[in-house]
Amino acid sequence: NFPELVYGKYNNKLNSITYFQKKVKYIQKRQVDNLPECNKCKIKYFCAGGCLGEALNEKGSIFKIKKENCAAIKFLAKNIGVNNGKYPIFHP
């Protein structure tokens, strides 16, 4: 259960969703440039700090990263490359 990631509520009678703007803004702040551990990383825009859900589940905050994944991601970036047309994606 991740209440930090619940950003709205469905109203069955009205068939509509009410969004909690405060929660939406909180989640939107989770960008790689807001993650201190990623500041000096050369491939941060291809990884973006990894999975938000994993960070929350394993580290307790959406603004943390799973540092133990960094070595693997950097290895892949070095050996496969990033944004070279072969794998036109931005997430390893």
C-alpha atoms as a PDB file:
ATOM      1  CA  ASN A   1       0.000   0.000   0.000  1.00  0.00           C
ATOM      2  CA  PHE A   2       1.511   3.287  -1.133  1.00  0.00           C
ATOM      3  CA  PRO A   3      -0.669   6.206  -0.016  1.00  0.00           C
ATOM      4  CA  GLU A   4       2.007   8.597  -1.336  1.00  0.00           C
ATOM      5  CA  LEU A   5       1.076   7.499  -4.852  1.00  0.00           C
ATOM      6  CA  VAL A   6      -2.703   7.761  -4.519  1.00  0.00           C
ATOM      7  CA  TYR A   7      -3.437  11.004  -6.317  1.00  0.00           C
ATOM      8  CA  GLY A   8      -7.172  10.825  -6.895  1.00  0.00           C
ATOM      9  CA  LYS A   9     -10.472   9.185  -6.112  1.00  0.00           C
ATOM     10  CA  TYR A  10     -13.034   7.713  -8.465  1.00  0.00           C
ATOM     11  CA  ASN A  11     -16.683   8.682  -7.967  1.00  0.00           C
ATOM     12  CA  ASN A  12     -18.781   5.811  -9.274  1.00  0.00           C
ATOM     13  CA  LYS A  13     -22.051   7.771  -9.244  1.00  0.00           C
ATOM     14  CA  LEU A  14     -20.642  10.640 -11.296  1.00  0.00           C
ATOM     15  CA  ASN A  15     -18.297   8.422 -13.340  1.00  0.00           C
ATOM     16  CA  SER A  16     -15.499  10.898 -12.693  1.00  0.00           C
ATOM     17  CA  ILE A  17     -12.161  11.189 -10.968  1.00  0.00           C
ATOM     18  CA  THR A  18     -11.300  13.886  -8.458  1.00  0.00           C
ATOM     19  CA  TYR A  19      -7.573  14.563  -8.525  1.00  0.00           C
ATOM     20  CA  PHE A  20      -5.694  15.614  -5.407  1.00  0.00           C
ATOM     21  CA  GLN A  21      -3.556  18.410  -6.829  1.00  0.00           C
ATOM     22  CA  LYS A  22      -1.204  18.466  -3.847  1.00  0.00           C
ATOM     23  CA  LYS A  23      -0.393  14.782  -4.436  1.00  0.00           C
ATOM     24  CA  VAL A  24      -0.049  15.284  -8.189  1.00  0.00           C
ATOM     25  CA  LYS A  25       2.457  18.111  -7.647  1.00  0.00           C
ATOM     26  CA  TYR A  26       4.371  15.986  -5.112  1.00  0.00           C
ATOM     27  CA  ILE A  27       4.749  13.114  -7.583  1.00  0.00           C
ATOM     28  CA  GLN A  28       5.663  15.479 -10.423  1.00  0.00           C
ATOM     29  CA  LYS A  29       8.560  16.823  -8.349  1.00  0.00           C
ATOM     30  CA  ARG A  30      10.266  13.433  -8.633  1.00  0.00           C
ATOM     31  CA  GLN A  31      12.573  14.357 -11.482  1.00  0.00           C
ATOM     32  CA  VAL A  32      16.187  13.354 -11.837  1.00  0.00           C
ATOM     33  CA  ASP A  33      17.344  16.939 -11.348  1.00  0.00           C
ATOM     34  CA  ASN A  34      15.690  16.867  -7.909  1.00  0.00           C
ATOM     35  CA  LEU A  35      17.543  13.706  -6.828  1.00  0.00           C
ATOM     36  CA  PRO A  36      20.770  14.764  -5.051  1.00  0.00           C
ATOM     37  CA  GLU A  37      22.374  11.344  -5.484  1.00  0.00           C
ATOM     38  CA  CYS A  38      22.134  11.723  -9.275  1.00  0.00           C
ATOM     39  CA  ASN A  39      23.550  15.254  -9.566  1.00  0.00           C
ATOM     40  CA  LYS A  40      26.947  14.303 -11.001  1.00  0.00           C
ATOM     41  CA  CYS A  41      25.883  11.206 -12.935  1.00  0.00           C
ATOM     42  CA  LYS A  42      26.623  11.406 -16.669  1.00  0.00           C
ATOM     43  CA  ILE A  43      23.729   9.149 -17.650  1.00  0.00           C
ATOM     44  CA  LYS A  44      21.101  10.495 -15.279  1.00  0.00           C
ATOM     45  CA  TYR A  45      18.719  11.421 -18.084  1.00  0.00           C
ATOM     46  CA  PHE A  46      18.664   7.825 -19.303  1.00  0.00           C
ATOM     47  CA  CYS A  47      18.044   6.308 -15.885  1.00  0.00           C
ATOM     48  CA  ALA A  48      16.216   9.110 -14.048  1.00  0.00           C
ATOM     49  CA  GLY A  49      17.068   7.582 -10.717  1.00  0.00           C
ATOM     50  CA  GLY A  50      15.370   4.296 -11.476  1.00  0.00           C
ATOM     51  CA  CYS A  51      11.920   3.123 -10.514  1.00  0.00           C
ATOM     52  CA  LEU A  52       9.887   5.453  -8.306  1.00  0.00           C
ATOM     53  CA  GLY A  53       7.920   2.516  -6.842  1.00  0.00           C
ATOM     54  CA  GLU A  54      11.043   0.569  -5.951  1.00  0.00           C
ATOM     55  CA  ALA A  55      12.573   3.646  -4.328  1.00  0.00           C
ATOM     56  CA  LEU A  56       9.467   4.198  -2.235  1.00  0.00           C
ATOM     57  CA  ASN A  57       9.115   0.532  -1.300  1.00  0.00           C
ATOM     58  CA  GLU A  58      12.762  -0.162  -0.533  1.00  0.00           C
ATOM     59  CA  LYS A  59      14.138   3.231   0.509  1.00  0.00           C
ATOM     60  CA  GLY A  60      11.034   4.892   1.984  1.00  0.00           C
ATOM     61  CA  SER A  61      10.864   7.926  -0.313  1.00  0.00           C
ATOM     62  CA  ILE A  62      10.190   8.688  -3.967  1.00  0.00           C
ATOM     63  CA  PHE A  63      13.168  11.056  -3.792  1.00  0.00           C
ATOM     64  CA  LYS A  64      15.651   8.279  -3.017  1.00  0.00           C
ATOM     65  CA  ILE A  65      17.327   5.919  -5.459  1.00  0.00           C
ATOM     66  CA  LYS A  66      18.407   2.291  -5.368  1.00  0.00           C
ATOM     67  CA  LYS A  67      22.111   3.054  -5.435  1.00  0.00           C
ATOM     68  CA  GLU A  68      22.939  -0.642  -5.766  1.00  0.00           C
ATOM     69  CA  ASN A  69      21.447  -0.513  -9.299  1.00  0.00           C
ATOM     70  CA  CYS A  70      23.766   2.289 -10.434  1.00  0.00           C
ATOM     71  CA  ALA A  71      26.724   0.024 -11.277  1.00  0.00           C
ATOM     72  CA  ALA A  72      24.569  -2.210 -13.489  1.00  0.00           C
ATOM     73  CA  ILE A  73      22.959   0.752 -15.258  1.00  0.00           C
ATOM     74  CA  LYS A  74      26.339   2.390 -15.879  1.00  0.00           C
ATOM     75  CA  PHE A  75      27.705  -0.911 -17.202  1.00  0.00           C
ATOM     76  CA  LEU A  76      24.802  -1.195 -19.645  1.00  0.00           C
ATOM     77  CA  ALA A  77      25.193   2.408 -20.753  1.00  0.00           C
ATOM     78  CA  LYS A  78      28.909   1.902 -21.384  1.00  0.00           C
ATOM     79  CA  ASN A  79      28.588  -1.424 -23.192  1.00  0.00           C
ATOM     80  CA  ILE A  80      25.316  -0.965 -25.073  1.00  0.00           C
ATOM     81  CA  GLY A  81      25.359   2.786 -25.390  1.00  0.00           C
ATOM     82  CA  VAL A  82      22.639   5.327 -24.850  1.00  0.00           C
ATOM     83  CA  ASN A  83      20.355   6.872 -27.426  1.00  0.00           C
ATOM     84  CA  ASN A  84      22.400   5.460 -30.301  1.00  0.00           C
ATOM     85  CA  GLY A  85      19.418   4.542 -32.460  1.00  0.00           C
ATOM     86  CA  LYS A  86      19.838   0.836 -31.736  1.00  0.00           C
ATOM     87  CA  TYR A  87      17.763   1.068 -28.593  1.00  0.00           C
ATOM     88  CA  PRO A  88      15.884   4.368 -28.927  1.00  0.00           C
ATOM     89  CA  ILE A  89      14.683   4.484 -25.341  1.00  0.00           C
ATOM     90  CA  PHE A  90      15.581   6.621 -22.378  1.00  0.00           C
ATOM     91  CA  HIS A  91      15.262   4.038 -19.601  1.00  0.00           C
ATOM     92  CA  PRO A  92      17.617   1.089 -19.272  1.00  0.00           C
END
